[in-house]
Amino acid sequence: MKNITFAVEDEVLDKVRVVAAQRKTTVNAIVREFLTEIATRDERREQARRELLELSRNSPGRMRPGARFDRESTYDE
């Protein structure tokens, strides 16, 4: 694990310290969690997209082109 140094406004740091105390964690852990979230966001989005496409491919429900639903037939079934 690498250490990094960055600057943050005093007021912001004070507020984050309060949040960390409320969560019973550290500012360091909050920053680490945030950076991990940013680093993995695209990967998670892509994984969700792949899973959705897989679900749609394997779904037993199929619609013919131009198919439309009407209220009566939907409630009749």
C-alpha atoms as a PDB file:
ATOM      1  CA  MET A   1       0.000   0.000   0.000  1.00  0.00           C
ATOM      2  CA  LYS A   2       1.281   3.452  -0.899  1.00  0.00           C
ATOM      3  CA  ASN A   3       1.078   6.577   1.218  1.00  0.00           C
ATOM      4  CA  ILE A   4      -0.067   9.805  -0.399  1.00  0.00           C
ATOM      5  CA  THR A   5      -0.085  13.384   0.794  1.00  0.00           C
ATOM      6  CA  PHE A   6      -2.662  15.940  -0.250  1.00  0.00           C
ATOM      7  CA  ALA A   7      -3.970  19.295   0.904  1.00  0.00           C
ATOM      8  CA  VAL A   8      -7.524  19.922   2.028  1.00  0.00           C
ATOM      9  CA  GLU A   9      -9.217  22.959   3.491  1.00  0.00           C
ATOM     10  CA  ASP A  10      -9.297  23.017   7.302  1.00  0.00           C
ATOM     11  CA  GLU A  11     -13.068  23.368   7.347  1.00  0.00           C
ATOM     12  CA  VAL A  12     -13.517  20.339   5.100  1.00  0.00           C
ATOM     13  CA  LEU A  13     -11.165  18.237   7.207  1.00  0.00           C
ATOM     14  CA  ASP A  14     -13.007  19.231  10.376  1.00  0.00           C
ATOM     15  CA  LYS A  15     -16.309  18.111   8.870  1.00  0.00           C
ATOM     16  CA  VAL A  16     -14.845  14.837   7.645  1.00  0.00           C
ATOM     17  CA  ARG A  17     -13.415  14.141  11.101  1.00  0.00           C
ATOM     18  CA  VAL A  18     -16.923  14.498  12.527  1.00  0.00           C
ATOM     19  CA  VAL A  19     -18.294  12.110   9.892  1.00  0.00           C
ATOM     20  CA  ALA A  20     -15.508   9.637  10.634  1.00  0.00           C
ATOM     21  CA  ALA A  21     -16.235   9.763  14.352  1.00  0.00           C
ATOM     22  CA  GLN A  22     -19.949   9.199  13.704  1.00  0.00           C
ATOM     23  CA  ARG A  23     -19.098   6.162  11.567  1.00  0.00           C
ATOM     24  CA  LYS A  24     -16.538   4.943  14.105  1.00  0.00           C
ATOM     25  CA  THR A  25     -13.827   4.964  11.467  1.00  0.00           C
ATOM     26  CA  THR A  26     -10.942   7.190  10.386  1.00  0.00           C
ATOM     27  CA  VAL A  27     -10.527   9.955   7.846  1.00  0.00           C
ATOM     28  CA  ASN A  28      -7.924   7.740   6.201  1.00  0.00           C
ATOM     29  CA  ALA A  29     -10.442   4.904   5.826  1.00  0.00           C
ATOM     30  CA  ILE A  30     -13.045   7.260   4.358  1.00  0.00           C
ATOM     31  CA  VAL A  31     -10.560   8.608   1.802  1.00  0.00           C
ATOM     32  CA  ARG A  32      -9.412   5.064   0.940  1.00  0.00           C
ATOM     33  CA  GLU A  33     -13.039   3.957   0.454  1.00  0.00           C
ATOM     34  CA  PHE A  34     -13.761   6.977  -1.743  1.00  0.00           C
ATOM     35  CA  LEU A  35     -10.698   6.419  -3.925  1.00  0.00           C
ATOM     36  CA  THR A  36     -11.543   2.728  -4.268  1.00  0.00           C
ATOM     37  CA  GLU A  37     -15.065   3.667  -5.332  1.00  0.00           C
ATOM     38  CA  ILE A  38     -13.720   5.974  -8.044  1.00  0.00           C
ATOM     39  CA  ALA A  39     -11.166   3.411  -9.220  1.00  0.00           C
ATOM     40  CA  THR A  40     -13.714   0.597  -9.552  1.00  0.00           C
ATOM     41  CA  ARG A  41     -16.778   2.541 -10.726  1.00  0.00           C
ATOM     42  CA  ASP A  42     -16.269   1.879 -14.443  1.00  0.00           C
ATOM     43  CA  GLU A  43     -15.493  -1.798 -13.858  1.00  0.00           C
ATOM     44  CA  ARG A  44     -18.650  -2.261 -11.774  1.00  0.00           C
ATOM     45  CA  ARG A  45     -20.759  -0.403 -14.338  1.00  0.00           C
ATOM     46  CA  GLU A  46     -19.378  -2.575 -17.136  1.00  0.00           C
ATOM     47  CA  GLN A  47     -20.001  -5.750 -15.109  1.00  0.00           C
ATOM     48  CA  ALA A  48     -23.597  -4.682 -14.446  1.00  0.00           C
ATOM     49  CA  ARG A  49     -24.070  -3.983 -18.164  1.00  0.00           C
ATOM     50  CA  ARG A  50     -22.729  -7.430 -19.090  1.00  0.00           C
ATOM     51  CA  GLU A  51     -25.008  -9.092 -16.538  1.00  0.00           C
ATOM     52  CA  LEU A  52     -28.037  -7.198 -17.828  1.00  0.00           C
ATOM     53  CA  LEU A  53     -27.284  -8.209 -21.412  1.00  0.00           C
ATOM     54  CA  GLU A  54     -26.846 -11.814 -20.320  1.00  0.00           C
ATOM     55  CA  LEU A  55     -30.193 -11.723 -18.515  1.00  0.00           C
ATOM     56  CA  SER A  56     -31.920 -10.298 -21.567  1.00  0.00           C
ATOM     57  CA  ARG A  57     -30.357 -12.945 -23.833  1.00  0.00           C
ATOM     58  CA  ASN A  58     -31.414 -15.776 -21.523  1.00  0.00           C
ATOM     59  CA  SER A  59     -34.870 -14.428 -20.724  1.00  0.00           C
ATOM     60  CA  PRO A  60     -37.693 -16.756 -21.753  1.00  0.00           C
ATOM     61  CA  GLY A  61     -39.908 -13.758 -22.573  1.00  0.00           C
ATOM     62  CA  ARG A  62     -39.780 -12.674 -26.197  1.00  0.00           C
ATOM     63  CA  MET A  63     -41.717 -10.016 -28.037  1.00  0.00           C
ATOM     64  CA  ARG A  64     -42.369  -9.980 -31.727  1.00  0.00           C
ATOM     65  CA  PRO A  65     -41.438  -6.772 -33.538  1.00  0.00           C
ATOM     66  CA  GLY A  66     -44.209  -4.216 -33.271  1.00  0.00           C
ATOM     67  CA  ALA A  67     -45.923  -6.041 -30.405  1.00  0.00           C
ATOM     68  CA  ARG A  68     -48.123  -3.829 -28.253  1.00  0.00           C
ATOM     69  CA  PHE A  69     -49.952  -4.425 -25.037  1.00  0.00           C
ATOM     70  CA  ASP A  70     -53.436  -3.253 -24.332  1.00  0.00           C
ATOM     71  CA  ARG A  71     -54.979  -2.973 -20.902  1.00  0.00           C
ATOM     72  CA  GLU A  72     -57.884  -5.366 -21.491  1.00  0.00           C
ATOM     73  CA  SER A  73     -55.822  -8.308 -22.715  1.00  0.00           C
ATOM     74  CA  THR A  74     -53.289  -7.775 -19.969  1.00  0.00           C
ATOM     75  CA  TYR A  75     -55.960  -7.932 -17.265  1.00  0.00           C
ATOM     76  CA  ASP A  76     -57.770 -10.839 -18.973  1.00  0.00           C
ATOM     77  CA  GLU A  77     -54.705 -13.021 -18.547  1.00  0.00           C
END
